[in-house]
C-alpha atoms as a PDB file:
ATOM      1  CA  MET A   1     168.216 154.037  24.207  1.00  0.00           C
ATOM      2  CA  LEU A   2     167.284 150.592  23.007  1.00  0.00           C
ATOM      3  CA  ARG A   3     170.361 149.061  24.513  1.00  0.00           C
ATOM      4  CA  ARG A   4     169.489 150.514  27.936  1.00  0.00           C
ATOM      5  CA  PHE A   5     165.942 149.425  27.687  1.00  0.00           C
ATOM      6  CA  VAL A   6     167.132 145.768  26.811  1.00  0.00           C
ATOM      7  CA  SER A   7     169.636 145.749  29.872  1.00  0.00           C
ATOM      8  CA  VAL A   8     166.793 146.882  32.140  1.00  0.00           C
ATOM      9  CA  LEU A   9     164.603 144.180  30.949  1.00  0.00           C
ATOM     10  CA  CYS A  10     167.351 141.605  31.427  1.00  0.00           C
ATOM     11  CA  CYS A  11     168.003 142.808  34.962  1.00  0.00           C
ATOM     12  CA  LEU A  12     164.430 143.007  35.999  1.00  0.00           C
ATOM     13  CA  PRO A  13     163.889 139.244  36.662  1.00  0.00           C
ATOM     14  CA  LEU A  14     166.918 139.152  38.615  1.00  0.00           C
ATOM     15  CA  LEU A  15     165.781 141.932  40.858  1.00  0.00           C
ATOM     16  CA  LEU A  16     162.241 140.510  41.192  1.00  0.00           C
ATOM     17  CA  GLY A  17     163.645 137.036  41.872  1.00  0.00           C
ATOM     18  CA  LEU A  18     165.610 138.426  44.884  1.00  0.00           C
ATOM     19  CA  ALA A  19     162.483 139.988  46.357  1.00  0.00           C
ATOM     20  CA  LEU A  20     160.281 136.720  46.276  1.00  0.00           C
ATOM     21  CA  PRO A  21     159.702 135.429  49.715  1.00  0.00           C
ATOM     22  CA  CYS A  22     161.001 131.964  50.624  1.00  0.00           C
ATOM     23  CA  ASP A  23     158.610 129.099  50.567  1.00  0.00           C
ATOM     24  CA  ALA A  24     157.372 129.305  54.109  1.00  0.00           C
ATOM     25  CA  ALA A  25     154.392 127.191  55.293  1.00  0.00           C
ATOM     26  CA  GLU A  26     151.905 128.282  57.920  1.00  0.00           C
ATOM     27  CA  LEU A  27     150.564 125.604  60.163  1.00  0.00           C
ATOM     28  CA  GLN A  28     147.466 125.593  62.321  1.00  0.00           C
ATOM     29  CA  LEU A  29     147.898 124.964  66.272  1.00  0.00           C
ATOM     30  CA  SER A  30     145.038 123.783  68.486  1.00  0.00           C
ATOM     31  CA  GLU A  31     144.628 122.733  71.976  1.00  0.00           C
ATOM     32  CA  VAL A  32     147.723 124.661  73.084  1.00  0.00           C
ATOM     33  CA  ARG A  33     148.385 124.510  76.779  1.00  0.00           C
ATOM     34  CA  LEU A  34     151.170 125.137  79.193  1.00  0.00           C
ATOM     35  CA  ASP A  35     151.560 122.586  82.088  1.00  0.00           C
ATOM     36  CA  PRO A  36     154.384 122.160  84.711  1.00  0.00           C
ATOM     37  CA  CYS A  37     156.940 119.394  83.872  1.00  0.00           C
ATOM     38  CA  GLY A  38     156.351 116.107  85.424  1.00  0.00           C
ATOM     39  CA  GLU A  39     158.461 115.075  88.335  1.00  0.00           C
ATOM     40  CA  LEU A  40     160.266 112.426  86.207  1.00  0.00           C
ATOM     41  CA  ASP A  41     161.042 115.023  83.458  1.00  0.00           C
ATOM     42  CA  ALA A  42     164.721 115.660  83.087  1.00  0.00           C
ATOM     43  CA  GLY A  43     163.979 119.362  82.848  1.00  0.00           C
ATOM     44  CA  ASN A  44     162.393 119.528  86.219  1.00  0.00           C
ATOM     45  CA  GLN A  45     164.877 120.269  88.963  1.00  0.00           C
ATOM     46  CA  PRO A  46     162.945 120.115  92.254  1.00  0.00           C
ATOM     47  CA  GLU A  47     166.100 120.657  94.303  1.00  0.00           C
ATOM     48  CA  LEU A  48     166.458 124.042  92.586  1.00  0.00           C
ATOM     49  CA  SER A  49     162.948 125.267  93.541  1.00  0.00           C
ATOM     50  CA  ARG A  50     163.842 128.729  94.854  1.00  0.00           C
ATOM     51  CA  PRO A  51     162.821 132.246  93.989  1.00  0.00           C
ATOM     52  CA  VAL A  52     165.862 132.600  91.809  1.00  0.00           C
ATOM     53  CA  GLY A  53     166.167 130.671  88.530  1.00  0.00           C
ATOM     54  CA  ALA A  54     163.594 129.034  86.339  1.00  0.00           C
ATOM     55  CA  SER A  55     160.725 126.656  86.479  1.00  0.00           C
ATOM     56  CA  CYS A  56     160.221 123.934  83.920  1.00  0.00           C
ATOM     57  CA  TYR A  57     157.003 123.950  81.837  1.00  0.00           C
ATOM     58  CA  VAL A  58     155.902 122.051  78.848  1.00  0.00           C
ATOM     59  CA  LEU A  59     153.922 123.691  75.894  1.00  0.00           C
ATOM     60  CA  THR A  60     151.806 121.054  74.305  1.00  0.00           C
ATOM     61  CA  GLY A  61     149.148 120.925  71.560  1.00  0.00           C
ATOM     62  CA  ASP A  62     148.222 119.717  68.208  1.00  0.00           C
ATOM     63  CA  VAL A  63     149.593 120.943  64.886  1.00  0.00           C
ATOM     64  CA  GLU A  64     147.698 120.534  61.609  1.00  0.00           C
ATOM     65  CA  ASN A  65     149.552 120.428  58.269  1.00  0.00           C
ATOM     66  CA  ARG A  66     146.886 120.761  55.570  1.00  0.00           C
ATOM     67  CA  SER A  67     149.333 120.374  52.639  1.00  0.00           C
ATOM     68  CA  LYS A  68     150.219 117.264  50.935  1.00  0.00           C
ATOM     69  CA  ASN A  69     153.952 117.587  51.707  1.00  0.00           C
ATOM     70  CA  SER A  70     155.847 117.541  55.137  1.00  0.00           C
ATOM     71  CA  VAL A  71     156.844 120.933  56.495  1.00  0.00           C
ATOM     72  CA  ILE A  72     160.480 121.043  57.418  1.00  0.00           C
ATOM     73  CA  ASP A  73     162.211 122.823  60.383  1.00  0.00           C
ATOM     74  CA  THR A  74     158.925 124.048  61.928  1.00  0.00           C
ATOM     75  CA  ASP A  75     159.162 126.698  64.596  1.00  0.00           C
ATOM     76  CA  VAL A  76     156.462 127.610  67.084  1.00  0.00           C
ATOM     77  CA  TYR A  77     155.578 131.053  68.039  1.00  0.00           C
ATOM     78  CA  ALA A  78     153.413 132.425  70.757  1.00  0.00           C
ATOM     79  CA  ARG A  79     152.973 135.156  73.363  1.00  0.00           C
ATOM     80  CA  ILE A  80     152.782 133.707  76.879  1.00  0.00           C
ATOM     81  CA  LEU A  81     151.355 136.102  79.497  1.00  0.00           C
ATOM     82  CA  ASP A  82     151.355 135.770  83.262  1.00  0.00           C
ATOM     83  CA  ALA A  83     148.358 136.643  85.619  1.00  0.00           C
ATOM     84  CA  SER A  84     149.116 140.312  85.426  1.00  0.00           C
ATOM     85  CA  GLY A  85     149.161 140.341  81.520  1.00  0.00           C
ATOM     86  CA  GLU A  86     152.928 140.714  81.451  1.00  0.00           C
ATOM     87  CA  PRO A  87     154.945 138.608  78.888  1.00  0.00           C
ATOM     88  CA  VAL A  88     156.602 135.562  80.435  1.00  0.00           C
ATOM     89  CA  LEU A  89     159.316 135.575  77.722  1.00  0.00           C
ATOM     90  CA  PRO A  90     159.955 139.278  77.070  1.00  0.00           C
ATOM     91  CA  ASN A  91     161.135 140.244  73.512  1.00  0.00           C
ATOM     92  CA  ARG A  92     160.674 136.784  72.329  1.00  0.00           C
ATOM     93  CA  THR A  93     157.771 135.227  70.563  1.00  0.00           C
ATOM     94  CA  ARG A  94     159.605 132.169  69.126  1.00  0.00           C
ATOM     95  CA  VAL A  95     159.286 129.439  71.810  1.00  0.00           C
ATOM     96  CA  GLY A  96     160.913 126.606  70.133  1.00  0.00           C
ATOM     97  CA  SER A  97     161.294 124.211  67.233  1.00  0.00           C
ATOM     98  CA  ILE A  98     159.213 120.979  66.647  1.00  0.00           C
ATOM     99  CA  GLY A  99     161.140 119.774  63.614  1.00  0.00           C
ATOM    100  CA  ASP A 100     159.432 118.233  60.716  1.00  0.00           C
ATOM    101  CA  VAL A 101     155.622 117.936  60.572  1.00  0.00           C
ATOM    102  CA  ASN A 102     153.981 115.345  58.306  1.00  0.00           C
ATOM    103  CA  PRO A 103     150.621 115.977  56.643  1.00  0.00           C
ATOM    104  CA  GLY A 104     147.650 115.790  58.928  1.00  0.00           C
ATOM    105  CA  HIS A 105     147.449 116.182  62.597  1.00  0.00           C
ATOM    106  CA  SER A 106     150.410 115.635  64.945  1.00  0.00           C
ATOM    107  CA  PRO A 107     150.913 116.186  68.738  1.00  0.00           C
ATOM    108  CA  PHE A 108     153.875 118.489  69.699  1.00  0.00           C
ATOM    109  CA  ALA A 109     155.575 119.372  72.834  1.00  0.00           C
ATOM    110  CA  LEU A 110     158.255 122.055  73.752  1.00  0.00           C
ATOM    111  CA  ARG A 111     160.026 122.479  77.182  1.00  0.00           C
ATOM    112  CA  ILE A 112     160.069 126.045  78.355  1.00  0.00           C
ATOM    113  CA  SER A 113     161.914 127.721  81.170  1.00  0.00           C
ATOM    114  CA  VAL A 114     159.739 130.241  82.953  1.00  0.00           C
ATOM    115  CA  PRO A 115     161.373 132.686  85.448  1.00  0.00           C
ATOM    116  CA  ALA A 116     160.685 131.315  89.030  1.00  0.00           C
ATOM    117  CA  GLY A 117     158.133 133.284  90.828  1.00  0.00           C
ATOM    118  CA  THR A 118     156.156 134.198  87.786  1.00  0.00           C
ATOM    119  CA  PRO A 119     152.570 134.454  88.844  1.00  0.00           C
ATOM    120  CA  GLY A 120     150.151 132.051  87.041  1.00  0.00           C
ATOM    121  CA  PRO A 121     147.840 131.051  85.473  1.00  0.00           C
ATOM    122  CA  PHE A 122     149.360 131.621  82.138  1.00  0.00           C
ATOM    123  CA  VAL A 123     147.582 132.727  78.935  1.00  0.00           C
ATOM    124  CA  ILE A 124     148.890 131.696  75.531  1.00  0.00           C
ATOM    125  CA  LYS A 125     148.017 134.294  72.738  1.00  0.00           C
ATOM    126  CA  ASN A 126     148.512 133.960  68.989  1.00  0.00           C
ATOM    127  CA  PRO A 127     150.035 130.505  68.899  1.00  0.00           C
ATOM    128  CA  ARG A 128     151.175 129.658  65.447  1.00  0.00           C
ATOM    129  CA  ALA A 129     153.807 127.466  63.560  1.00  0.00           C
ATOM    130  CA  ARG A 130     155.773 128.123  60.522  1.00  0.00           C
ATOM    131  CA  GLY A 131     158.189 125.960  58.581  1.00  0.00           C
ATOM    132  CA  PHE A 132     159.561 125.367  55.101  1.00  0.00           C
ATOM    133  CA  ASN A 133     158.388 123.334  52.082  1.00  0.00           C
ATOM    134  CA  ALA A 134     161.982 122.138  51.388  1.00  0.00           C
ATOM    135  CA  PRO A 135     165.045 121.486  53.381  1.00  0.00           C
ATOM    136  CA  VAL A 136     166.898 124.529  54.416  1.00  0.00           C
ATOM    137  CA  ARG A 137     169.966 122.809  55.915  1.00  0.00           C
ATOM    138  CA  SER A 138     171.769 119.514  55.397  1.00  0.00           C
ATOM    139  CA  ARG A 139     170.657 116.512  57.500  1.00  0.00           C
ATOM    140  CA  VAL A 140     172.739 113.792  58.964  1.00  0.00           C
ATOM    141  CA  ASP A 141     170.068 111.298  59.529  1.00  0.00           C
ATOM    142  CA  VAL A 142     166.301 111.150  60.215  1.00  0.00           C
ATOM    143  CA  ASP A 143     165.380 108.466  62.731  1.00  0.00           C
ATOM    144  CA  GLU A 144     164.157 107.767  66.196  1.00  0.00           C
ATOM    145  CA  ASP A 145     167.819 108.554  67.568  1.00  0.00           C
ATOM    146  CA  ASP A 146     167.341 112.192  66.546  1.00  0.00           C
ATOM    147  CA  LEU A 147     164.295 112.789  68.669  1.00  0.00           C
ATOM    148  CA  LEU A 148     164.652 114.420  72.049  1.00  0.00           C
ATOM    149  CA  PRO A 149     163.370 112.387  75.136  1.00  0.00           C
ATOM    150  CA  LEU A 150     160.398 114.682  75.373  1.00  0.00           C
ATOM    151  CA  GLU A 151     159.531 114.186  71.628  1.00  0.00           C
ATOM    152  CA  ARG A 152     159.953 110.197  72.026  1.00  0.00           C
ATOM    153  CA  GLY A 153     157.549 110.364  74.861  1.00  0.00           C
ATOM    154  CA  ILE A 154     154.768 112.030  72.703  1.00  0.00           C
ATOM    155  CA  LYS A 155     155.425 109.652  69.795  1.00  0.00           C
ATOM    156  CA  GLN A 156     154.807 106.611  72.058  1.00  0.00           C
ATOM    157  CA  GLN A 157     151.578 108.016  73.540  1.00  0.00           C
END
């Protein structure tokens, strides 16, 4: 009986350790808006403006990291609704990744393809961001060359 009790006590930390959540960090989003892509934006395809296909939009806003450490691999989640209250991106609340977020306030931008003919104006509900407190994948290099053109434009503003 004692042997069984000791073996259960030894296995208990293992079982509890597997059930612990990973170190996810919640970030606050503010001033979130959805605007059409500019004419010079590479994602904008004016020659393809027809009822079939997709329209280019940019989701922009401000993200606040209240912790003292950077948040790694941050994903943005939101429900985007059209004028009739229907989801623009059905069955999908993750709208994209904004990479690493340093402590403090930072601007962000994500390019989103909205089905052509979707009636606006659009409403953004429950915007939030979540990332990790430590790297979850290996990195090649972290410099200006790794930024997308849309991200480079925001950093310069």
